[in-house]
Amino acid sequence: MGGPEAPSRPKLAPLVVEHEAEYVVGFPMYVAFALRAEKPNAGLTRLPVVTWRSSGDALGVRVKRGGALVKKDEPSAEGFREDWEKGLKVPVGGQTRILADVAQFFEDLPPGAYSVEVGYGTAKRQTWSKPFPIKLRAPEDAEAKDLVLFRPAHGEMDWGRWTVEEPAAPNAVFPPRDKRDPLRWNKTLRYLLYGPDTETVDIAVLDVLDGMWIPERDALRAEILAWREPSAAKRLADEVTAKHPGLWEDMNALAAGQGKVAFYRRRRRRPGP
């Protein structure tokens, strides 16, 4: 008679994806979703890491145009071992917010209207979203100029690396033009990393981050305020976590004085202007 079966690992709940209504060819295509356990009293551990800078191969898409499947990539997270202690975690009964760039899947697709499903996980353990509509359009004049000025030379779609890479000169850092700027997240973060110092940075630069970006906007605002009043860091972090529970890990870091923007600012070769 065999021994008891090992308990099965909690399953991932289906993804609910936040997204822009339209994206621009050549620029990042960010989506956001919360990782949750299928059962509300469960948590998750040892999940493949996805960040706004890099998704590896833990993401997948199914893309249709006019009802016809034009792109299919399954998440595999090849090389990720589920017995590793490292990886993403989801607290019991909680969630972990993921911000990811799916532009790599659209590099060879023309402008137009598409229906998209996003998948996350490994080859054996994955979950998918329901289909959602997006529009992919060609760059307008100002955006085409941005492509010429800023497009990373080391990787056509590697906007994540460009965002955190130190500029050649302080005056090479620009805030976003407006809410339609396809680099509004990247330019905002780059401005905070390499622009004015913590006392003079204009917090209103965050106003371009609306819609799907509201959790990130609130987290960045809390970090700026914590720079100016370190004793308030825990209170600010708790307020953001209460409003956006998927950001629990970033807010724990902020409360401990280890915000993500502060991390990069401490590594700068030169002081802020």
C-alpha atoms as a PDB file:
ATOM      1  CA  MET A   1       0.000   0.000   0.000  1.00  0.00           C
ATOM      2  CA  GLY A   2       1.487   3.296  -1.049  1.00  0.00           C
ATOM      3  CA  GLY A   3       1.994   6.297   1.176  1.00  0.00           C
ATOM      4  CA  PRO A   4      -0.195   9.391   1.153  1.00  0.00           C
ATOM      5  CA  GLU A   5      -0.153  11.496  -2.001  1.00  0.00           C
ATOM      6  CA  ALA A   6       1.726  14.762  -1.858  1.00  0.00           C
ATOM      7  CA  PRO A   7      -0.655  17.735  -1.606  1.00  0.00           C
ATOM      8  CA  SER A   8      -1.248  19.499  -4.905  1.00  0.00           C
ATOM      9  CA  ARG A   9       0.046  23.024  -5.280  1.00  0.00           C
ATOM     10  CA  PRO A  10      -2.520  25.831  -5.386  1.00  0.00           C
ATOM     11  CA  LYS A  11      -3.600  26.817  -8.880  1.00  0.00           C
ATOM     12  CA  LEU A  12      -3.312  30.278 -10.390  1.00  0.00           C
ATOM     13  CA  ALA A  13      -6.567  32.179 -10.865  1.00  0.00           C
ATOM     14  CA  PRO A  14      -7.399  33.427 -14.390  1.00  0.00           C
ATOM     15  CA  LEU A  15      -5.744  36.735 -15.245  1.00  0.00           C
ATOM     16  CA  VAL A  16      -7.697  39.980 -15.389  1.00  0.00           C
ATOM     17  CA  VAL A  17      -5.624  42.280 -17.586  1.00  0.00           C
ATOM     18  CA  GLU A  18      -5.445  46.066 -17.425  1.00  0.00           C
ATOM     19  CA  HIS A  19      -4.252  47.619 -20.662  1.00  0.00           C
ATOM     20  CA  GLU A  20      -4.126  50.723 -22.819  1.00  0.00           C
ATOM     21  CA  ALA A  21      -6.793  51.209 -25.493  1.00  0.00           C
ATOM     22  CA  GLU A  22      -4.074  51.702 -28.106  1.00  0.00           C
ATOM     23  CA  TYR A  23      -0.359  51.124 -28.518  1.00  0.00           C
ATOM     24  CA  VAL A  24       2.220  52.510 -30.930  1.00  0.00           C
ATOM     25  CA  VAL A  25       4.459  50.465 -33.203  1.00  0.00           C
ATOM     26  CA  GLY A  26       8.063  50.475 -31.982  1.00  0.00           C
ATOM     27  CA  PHE A  27       7.255  51.431 -28.393  1.00  0.00           C
ATOM     28  CA  PRO A  28       6.565  49.431 -25.221  1.00  0.00           C
ATOM     29  CA  MET A  29       3.186  47.735 -24.865  1.00  0.00           C
ATOM     30  CA  TYR A  30       2.594  47.462 -21.135  1.00  0.00           C
ATOM     31  CA  VAL A  31      -0.165  45.441 -19.542  1.00  0.00           C
ATOM     32  CA  ALA A  32      -0.832  44.832 -15.859  1.00  0.00           C
ATOM     33  CA  PHE A  33      -2.454  41.979 -13.988  1.00  0.00           C
ATOM     34  CA  ALA A  34      -2.639  40.557 -10.487  1.00  0.00           C
ATOM     35  CA  LEU A  35      -1.440  37.064  -9.679  1.00  0.00           C
ATOM     36  CA  ARG A  36      -3.861  35.327  -7.318  1.00  0.00           C
ATOM     37  CA  ALA A  37      -4.477  31.814  -6.103  1.00  0.00           C
ATOM     38  CA  GLU A  38      -7.617  30.185  -7.467  1.00  0.00           C
ATOM     39  CA  LYS A  39      -8.867  29.557  -3.914  1.00  0.00           C
ATOM     40  CA  PRO A  40      -9.129  32.634  -1.661  1.00  0.00           C
ATOM     41  CA  ASN A  41      -7.554  30.925   1.366  1.00  0.00           C
ATOM     42  CA  ALA A  42      -4.376  29.927  -0.503  1.00  0.00           C
ATOM     43  CA  GLY A  43      -1.083  31.606  -1.317  1.00  0.00           C
ATOM     44  CA  LEU A  44       1.488  30.970  -4.036  1.00  0.00           C
ATOM     45  CA  THR A  45       5.268  30.675  -4.020  1.00  0.00           C
ATOM     46  CA  ARG A  46       8.078  29.887  -6.456  1.00  0.00           C
ATOM     47  CA  LEU A  47       6.484  31.559  -9.456  1.00  0.00           C
ATOM     48  CA  PRO A  48       8.600  32.695 -12.438  1.00  0.00           C
ATOM     49  CA  VAL A  49       9.698  36.303 -12.208  1.00  0.00           C
ATOM     50  CA  VAL A  50       8.236  38.916 -14.536  1.00  0.00           C
ATOM     51  CA  THR A  51       9.046  42.623 -14.193  1.00  0.00           C
ATOM     52  CA  TRP A  52       8.261  45.706 -16.255  1.00  0.00           C
ATOM     53  CA  ARG A  53      11.834  45.465 -17.583  1.00  0.00           C
ATOM     54  CA  SER A  54      11.908  41.789 -18.504  1.00  0.00           C
ATOM     55  CA  SER A  55       9.404  38.976 -18.826  1.00  0.00           C
ATOM     56  CA  GLY A  56      11.799  36.283 -19.982  1.00  0.00           C
ATOM     57  CA  ASP A  57       9.629  33.532 -21.416  1.00  0.00           C
ATOM     58  CA  ALA A  58       7.107  33.401 -18.567  1.00  0.00           C
ATOM     59  CA  LEU A  59       4.570  35.311 -20.673  1.00  0.00           C
ATOM     60  CA  GLY A  60       2.607  34.164 -23.692  1.00  0.00           C
ATOM     61  CA  VAL A  61      -0.014  35.598 -26.007  1.00  0.00           C
ATOM     62  CA  ARG A  62      -2.734  34.491 -28.383  1.00  0.00           C
ATOM     63  CA  VAL A  63      -3.476  37.241 -30.865  1.00  0.00           C
ATOM     64  CA  LYS A  64      -6.331  37.342 -33.349  1.00  0.00           C
ATOM     65  CA  ARG A  65      -7.128  39.794 -36.115  1.00  0.00           C
ATOM     66  CA  GLY A  66     -10.533  39.628 -37.720  1.00  0.00           C
ATOM     67  CA  GLY A  67     -11.163  36.337 -35.941  1.00  0.00           C
ATOM     68  CA  ALA A  68      -8.035  34.678 -37.387  1.00  0.00           C
ATOM     69  CA  LEU A  69      -5.172  33.603 -35.129  1.00  0.00           C
ATOM     70  CA  VAL A  70      -2.061  35.568 -36.176  1.00  0.00           C
ATOM     71  CA  LYS A  71       0.253  34.951 -33.215  1.00  0.00           C
ATOM     72  CA  LYS A  72       0.508  32.229 -30.601  1.00  0.00           C
ATOM     73  CA  ASP A  73       3.263  31.985 -28.012  1.00  0.00           C
ATOM     74  CA  GLU A  74       2.871  29.799 -24.948  1.00  0.00           C
ATOM     75  CA  PRO A  75       4.536  30.717 -21.642  1.00  0.00           C
ATOM     76  CA  SER A  76       7.275  28.248 -20.775  1.00  0.00           C
ATOM     77  CA  ALA A  77       9.643  29.875 -18.258  1.00  0.00           C
ATOM     78  CA  GLU A  78      12.280  27.511 -19.604  1.00  0.00           C
ATOM     79  CA  GLY A  79      15.024  26.947 -17.066  1.00  0.00           C
ATOM     80  CA  PHE A  80      12.874  28.017 -14.122  1.00  0.00           C
ATOM     81  CA  ARG A  81      12.699  25.270 -11.499  1.00  0.00           C
ATOM     82  CA  GLU A  82       9.569  25.214  -9.389  1.00  0.00           C
ATOM     83  CA  ASP A  83      11.460  23.712  -6.452  1.00  0.00           C
ATOM     84  CA  TRP A  84      13.628  26.835  -6.190  1.00  0.00           C
ATOM     85  CA  GLU A  85      13.062  28.944  -3.106  1.00  0.00           C
ATOM     86  CA  LYS A  86      13.380  32.107  -5.163  1.00  0.00           C
ATOM     87  CA  GLY A  87      10.653  33.462  -7.379  1.00  0.00           C
ATOM     88  CA  LEU A  88       7.515  35.539  -7.078  1.00  0.00           C
ATOM     89  CA  LYS A  89       5.165  35.065  -4.148  1.00  0.00           C
ATOM     90  CA  VAL A  90       1.477  35.722  -3.565  1.00  0.00           C
ATOM     91  CA  PRO A  91       0.410  36.110   0.085  1.00  0.00           C
ATOM     92  CA  VAL A  92      -2.356  33.887   1.436  1.00  0.00           C
ATOM     93  CA  GLY A  93      -5.618  35.470   0.341  1.00  0.00           C
ATOM     94  CA  GLY A  94      -3.689  38.266  -1.398  1.00  0.00           C
ATOM     95  CA  GLN A  95      -2.320  39.240  -4.771  1.00  0.00           C
ATOM     96  CA  THR A  96       0.875  40.376  -6.476  1.00  0.00           C
ATOM     97  CA  ARG A  97       0.683  42.991  -9.211  1.00  0.00           C
ATOM     98  CA  ILE A  98       2.632  42.378 -12.402  1.00  0.00           C
ATOM     99  CA  LEU A  99       3.520  45.057 -14.937  1.00  0.00           C
ATOM    100  CA  ALA A 100       4.825  43.573 -18.180  1.00  0.00           C
ATOM    101  CA  ASP A 101       5.770  44.645 -21.687  1.00  0.00           C
ATOM    102  CA  VAL A 102       4.268  42.443 -24.422  1.00  0.00           C
ATOM    103  CA  ALA A 103       5.710  44.391 -27.368  1.00  0.00           C
ATOM    104  CA  GLN A 104       8.063  41.521 -28.242  1.00  0.00           C
ATOM    105  CA  PHE A 105       5.066  39.528 -29.458  1.00  0.00           C
ATOM    106  CA  PHE A 106       3.934  42.254 -31.860  1.00  0.00           C
ATOM    107  CA  GLU A 107       7.224  43.109 -33.577  1.00  0.00           C
ATOM    108  CA  ASP A 108       6.159  41.594 -36.902  1.00  0.00           C
ATOM    109  CA  LEU A 109       2.484  42.597 -36.799  1.00  0.00           C
ATOM    110  CA  PRO A 110       1.165  45.644 -38.725  1.00  0.00           C
ATOM    111  CA  PRO A 111      -1.018  48.412 -37.288  1.00  0.00           C
ATOM    112  CA  GLY A 112      -4.632  47.423 -36.798  1.00  0.00           C
ATOM    113  CA  ALA A 113      -7.229  46.147 -34.350  1.00  0.00           C
ATOM    114  CA  TYR A 114      -6.475  42.941 -32.451  1.00  0.00           C
ATOM    115  CA  SER A 115      -7.984  40.637 -29.869  1.00  0.00           C
ATOM    116  CA  VAL A 116      -5.401  39.516 -27.308  1.00  0.00           C
ATOM    117  CA  GLU A 117      -5.151  36.908 -24.576  1.00  0.00           C
ATOM    118  CA  VAL A 118      -2.202  37.041 -22.173  1.00  0.00           C
ATOM    119  CA  GLY A 119      -0.819  33.959 -20.455  1.00  0.00           C
ATOM    120  CA  TYR A 120       1.607  33.606 -17.549  1.00  0.00           C
ATOM    121  CA  GLY A 121       3.474  30.749 -15.957  1.00  0.00           C
ATOM    122  CA  THR A 122       5.479  27.699 -16.928  1.00  0.00           C
ATOM    123  CA  ALA A 123       4.841  24.987 -19.488  1.00  0.00           C
ATOM    124  CA  LYS A 124       3.092  22.887 -16.819  1.00  0.00           C
ATOM    125  CA  ARG A 125       1.584  25.561 -14.595  1.00  0.00           C
ATOM    126  CA  GLN A 126       0.022  28.530 -16.339  1.00  0.00           C
ATOM    127  CA  THR A 127      -3.049  30.723 -16.506  1.00  0.00           C
ATOM    128  CA  TRP A 128      -4.622  32.953 -19.154  1.00  0.00           C
ATOM    129  CA  SER A 129      -6.797  36.024 -19.466  1.00  0.00           C
ATOM    130  CA  LYS A 130      -9.996  36.380 -21.405  1.00  0.00           C
ATOM    131  CA  PRO A 131      -9.633  38.109 -24.818  1.00  0.00           C
ATOM    132  CA  PHE A 132      -9.473  41.899 -24.769  1.00  0.00           C
ATOM    133  CA  PRO A 133      -9.312  44.393 -27.671  1.00  0.00           C
ATOM    134  CA  ILE A 134      -6.382  46.677 -28.454  1.00  0.00           C
ATOM    135  CA  LYS A 135      -5.450  48.965 -31.315  1.00  0.00           C
ATOM    136  CA  LEU A 136      -1.908  49.123 -32.683  1.00  0.00           C
ATOM    137  CA  ARG A 137      -1.146  52.276 -34.665  1.00  0.00           C
ATOM    138  CA  ALA A 138       1.755  53.853 -36.529  1.00  0.00           C
ATOM    139  CA  PRO A 139       3.788  56.586 -34.787  1.00  0.00           C
ATOM    140  CA  GLU A 140       2.753  60.214 -35.200  1.00  0.00           C
ATOM    141  CA  ASP A 141       5.361  62.875 -35.976  1.00  0.00           C
ATOM    142  CA  ALA A 142       6.431  63.575 -32.379  1.00  0.00           C
ATOM    143  CA  GLU A 143       6.582  59.844 -31.635  1.00  0.00           C
ATOM    144  CA  ALA A 144       8.641  59.150 -34.749  1.00  0.00           C
ATOM    145  CA  LYS A 145      11.131  61.752 -33.522  1.00  0.00           C
ATOM    146  CA  ASP A 146      11.296  59.984 -30.162  1.00  0.00           C
ATOM    147  CA  LEU A 147      12.144  56.755 -31.944  1.00  0.00           C
ATOM    148  CA  VAL A 148      15.073  58.467 -33.637  1.00  0.00           C
ATOM    149  CA  LEU A 149      16.250  60.227 -30.464  1.00  0.00           C
ATOM    150  CA  PHE A 150      15.751  57.548 -27.855  1.00  0.00           C
ATOM    151  CA  ARG A 151      15.384  54.136 -29.455  1.00  0.00           C
ATOM    152  CA  PRO A 152      17.938  51.873 -27.769  1.00  0.00           C
ATOM    153  CA  ALA A 153      20.897  51.046 -29.985  1.00  0.00           C
ATOM    154  CA  HIS A 154      21.636  47.791 -28.135  1.00  0.00           C
ATOM    155  CA  GLY A 155      18.200  46.235 -28.616  1.00  0.00           C
ATOM    156  CA  GLU A 156      15.377  47.490 -30.751  1.00  0.00           C
ATOM    157  CA  MET A 157      12.666  46.758 -28.195  1.00  0.00           C
ATOM    158  CA  ASP A 158      14.721  47.044 -24.988  1.00  0.00           C
ATOM    159  CA  TRP A 159      13.050  50.127 -23.564  1.00  0.00           C
ATOM    160  CA  GLY A 160      13.400  48.762 -20.042  1.00  0.00           C
ATOM    161  CA  ARG A 161      17.172  48.933 -20.235  1.00  0.00           C
ATOM    162  CA  TRP A 162      17.015  52.417 -21.766  1.00  0.00           C
ATOM    163  CA  THR A 163      14.819  53.630 -18.912  1.00  0.00           C
ATOM    164  CA  VAL A 164      17.306  52.810 -16.161  1.00  0.00           C
ATOM    165  CA  GLU A 165      20.501  53.454 -18.133  1.00  0.00           C
ATOM    166  CA  GLU A 166      22.286  56.616 -17.000  1.00  0.00           C
ATOM    167  CA  PRO A 167      22.119  59.354 -19.670  1.00  0.00           C
ATOM    168  CA  ALA A 168      25.257  60.849 -21.172  1.00  0.00           C
ATOM    169  CA  ALA A 169      24.263  64.277 -19.824  1.00  0.00           C
ATOM    170  CA  PRO A 170      21.731  65.432 -17.196  1.00  0.00           C
ATOM    171  CA  ASN A 171      19.921  67.620 -19.742  1.00  0.00           C
ATOM    172  CA  ALA A 172      19.176  64.522 -21.824  1.00  0.00           C
ATOM    173  CA  VAL A 173      16.330  63.582 -19.446  1.00  0.00           C
ATOM    174  CA  PHE A 174      12.840  64.713 -20.451  1.00  0.00           C
ATOM    175  CA  PRO A 175       9.482  64.203 -18.741  1.00  0.00           C
ATOM    176  CA  PRO A 176       6.609  62.842 -20.851  1.00  0.00           C
ATOM    177  CA  ARG A 177       4.861  65.171 -23.274  1.00  0.00           C
ATOM    178  CA  ASP A 178       1.361  64.221 -22.144  1.00  0.00           C
ATOM    179  CA  LYS A 179      -0.890  61.257 -21.331  1.00  0.00           C
ATOM    180  CA  ARG A 180      -0.735  60.005 -24.935  1.00  0.00           C
ATOM    181  CA  ASP A 181       3.049  59.702 -24.877  1.00  0.00           C
ATOM    182  CA  PRO A 182       3.771  55.972 -25.460  1.00  0.00           C
ATOM    183  CA  LEU A 183       6.849  56.378 -23.238  1.00  0.00           C
ATOM    184  CA  ARG A 184       4.998  58.051 -20.379  1.00  0.00           C
ATOM    185  CA  TRP A 185       5.952  55.369 -17.850  1.00  0.00           C
ATOM    186  CA  ASN A 186       9.566  55.142 -19.050  1.00  0.00           C
ATOM    187  CA  LYS A 187      10.130  58.901 -19.262  1.00  0.00           C
ATOM    188  CA  THR A 188       8.536  59.494 -15.866  1.00  0.00           C
ATOM    189  CA  LEU A 189      10.706  56.891 -14.186  1.00  0.00           C
ATOM    190  CA  ARG A 190      13.832  58.078 -16.016  1.00  0.00           C
ATOM    191  CA  TYR A 191      13.067  61.657 -14.947  1.00  0.00           C
ATOM    192  CA  LEU A 192      12.837  60.541 -11.321  1.00  0.00           C
ATOM    193  CA  LEU A 193      16.027  58.497 -11.580  1.00  0.00           C
ATOM    194  CA  TYR A 194      18.243  61.039 -13.307  1.00  0.00           C
ATOM    195  CA  GLY A 195      16.428  64.374 -13.179  1.00  0.00           C
ATOM    196  CA  PRO A 196      16.140  66.956 -10.388  1.00  0.00           C
ATOM    197  CA  ASP A 197      17.094  66.077  -6.844  1.00  0.00           C
ATOM    198  CA  THR A 198      14.583  64.794  -4.332  1.00  0.00           C
ATOM    199  CA  GLU A 199      13.750  68.220  -2.913  1.00  0.00           C
ATOM    200  CA  THR A 200      13.008  69.954  -6.209  1.00  0.00           C
ATOM    201  CA  VAL A 201      11.523  67.193  -8.369  1.00  0.00           C
ATOM    202  CA  ASP A 202       8.049  68.265  -9.494  1.00  0.00           C
ATOM    203  CA  ILE A 203       5.567  65.730  -8.164  1.00  0.00           C
ATOM    204  CA  ALA A 204       3.069  66.883 -10.807  1.00  0.00           C
ATOM    205  CA  VAL A 205       5.105  64.970 -13.407  1.00  0.00           C
ATOM    206  CA  LEU A 206       3.224  61.905 -12.157  1.00  0.00           C
ATOM    207  CA  ASP A 207      -0.117  63.277 -13.373  1.00  0.00           C
ATOM    208  CA  VAL A 208       0.401  61.698 -16.807  1.00  0.00           C
ATOM    209  CA  LEU A 209       0.121  58.260 -15.181  1.00  0.00           C
ATOM    210  CA  ASP A 210      -3.626  57.667 -15.198  1.00  0.00           C
ATOM    211  CA  GLY A 211      -5.794  54.682 -16.128  1.00  0.00           C
ATOM    212  CA  MET A 212      -3.919  51.411 -15.721  1.00  0.00           C
ATOM    213  CA  TRP A 213      -0.972  53.344 -14.270  1.00  0.00           C
ATOM    214  CA  ILE A 214      -2.720  54.640 -11.133  1.00  0.00           C
ATOM    215  CA  PRO A 215      -1.154  52.045  -8.765  1.00  0.00           C
ATOM    216  CA  GLU A 216       2.357  52.842 -10.057  1.00  0.00           C
ATOM    217  CA  ARG A 217       1.619  56.584  -9.851  1.00  0.00           C
ATOM    218  CA  ASP A 218       0.521  56.294  -6.232  1.00  0.00           C
ATOM    219  CA  ALA A 219       3.573  54.192  -5.364  1.00  0.00           C
ATOM    220  CA  LEU A 220       5.960  56.700  -6.938  1.00  0.00           C
ATOM    221  CA  ARG A 221       4.220  59.613  -5.225  1.00  0.00           C
ATOM    222  CA  ALA A 222       4.639  57.837  -1.874  1.00  0.00           C
ATOM    223  CA  GLU A 223       8.324  57.322  -2.568  1.00  0.00           C
ATOM    224  CA  ILE A 224       8.895  60.989  -3.439  1.00  0.00           C
ATOM    225  CA  LEU A 225       7.128  62.057  -0.239  1.00  0.00           C
ATOM    226  CA  ALA A 226       9.155  59.531   1.755  1.00  0.00           C
ATOM    227  CA  TRP A 227      12.351  61.032   0.340  1.00  0.00           C
ATOM    228  CA  ARG A 228      11.290  64.371   1.808  1.00  0.00           C
ATOM    229  CA  GLU A 229      10.002  62.978   5.104  1.00  0.00           C
ATOM    230  CA  PRO A 230      11.713  59.625   5.842  1.00  0.00           C
ATOM    231  CA  SER A 231       9.822  59.197   9.115  1.00  0.00           C
ATOM    232  CA  ALA A 232       6.572  58.993   7.123  1.00  0.00           C
ATOM    233  CA  ALA A 233       7.719  56.118   4.887  1.00  0.00           C
ATOM    234  CA  LYS A 234       5.835  53.370   6.723  1.00  0.00           C
ATOM    235  CA  ARG A 235       2.606  55.374   6.884  1.00  0.00           C
ATOM    236  CA  LEU A 236       2.824  56.208   3.179  1.00  0.00           C
ATOM    237  CA  ALA A 237       3.600  52.594   2.284  1.00  0.00           C
ATOM    238  CA  ASP A 238       0.657  51.336   4.349  1.00  0.00           C
ATOM    239  CA  GLU A 239      -1.687  53.769   2.604  1.00  0.00           C
ATOM    240  CA  VAL A 240      -0.627  52.551  -0.842  1.00  0.00           C
ATOM    241  CA  THR A 241      -0.866  48.883   0.182  1.00  0.00           C
ATOM    242  CA  ALA A 242      -4.390  49.419   1.500  1.00  0.00           C
ATOM    243  CA  LYS A 243      -5.421  50.953  -1.819  1.00  0.00           C
ATOM    244  CA  HIS A 244      -3.372  48.681  -4.099  1.00  0.00           C
ATOM    245  CA  PRO A 245      -2.696  45.401  -2.253  1.00  0.00           C
ATOM    246  CA  GLY A 246      -0.833  43.906  -5.215  1.00  0.00           C
ATOM    247  CA  LEU A 247       2.048  46.308  -4.520  1.00  0.00           C
ATOM    248  CA  TRP A 248       2.711  44.822  -1.066  1.00  0.00           C
ATOM    249  CA  GLU A 249       6.287  43.819  -1.850  1.00  0.00           C
ATOM    250  CA  ASP A 250       7.353  47.220  -3.209  1.00  0.00           C
ATOM    251  CA  MET A 251       5.695  48.958  -0.272  1.00  0.00           C
ATOM    252  CA  ASN A 252       7.412  46.689   2.244  1.00  0.00           C
ATOM    253  CA  ALA A 253      10.683  47.746   0.623  1.00  0.00           C
ATOM    254  CA  LEU A 254       9.697  51.424   0.792  1.00  0.00           C
ATOM    255  CA  ALA A 255       8.831  51.141   4.488  1.00  0.00           C
ATOM    256  CA  ALA A 256      12.306  49.669   5.031  1.00  0.00           C
ATOM    257  CA  GLY A 257      13.944  52.591   3.203  1.00  0.00           C
ATOM    258  CA  GLN A 258      14.642  50.579   0.047  1.00  0.00           C
ATOM    259  CA  GLY A 259      12.386  52.138  -2.590  1.00  0.00           C
ATOM    260  CA  LYS A 260      13.080  51.197  -6.202  1.00  0.00           C
ATOM    261  CA  VAL A 261      13.806  54.763  -7.369  1.00  0.00           C
ATOM    262  CA  ALA A 262      16.118  55.424  -4.427  1.00  0.00           C
ATOM    263  CA  PHE A 263      18.035  52.257  -5.322  1.00  0.00           C
ATOM    264  CA  TYR A 264      18.924  53.583  -8.766  1.00  0.00           C
ATOM    265  CA  ARG A 265      19.587  57.124  -7.577  1.00  0.00           C
ATOM    266  CA  ARG A 266      22.189  55.824  -5.116  1.00  0.00           C
ATOM    267  CA  ARG A 267      24.004  54.154  -8.044  1.00  0.00           C
ATOM    268  CA  ARG A 268      24.274  57.297 -10.147  1.00  0.00           C
ATOM    269  CA  ARG A 269      27.766  58.259 -11.229  1.00  0.00           C
ATOM    270  CA  ARG A 270      26.991  61.926 -10.703  1.00  0.00           C
ATOM    271  CA  PRO A 271      24.781  63.760  -8.195  1.00  0.00           C
ATOM    272  CA  GLY A 272      21.418  65.035  -9.344  1.00  0.00           C
ATOM    273  CA  PRO A 273      21.393  68.469 -11.010  1.00  0.00           C
END
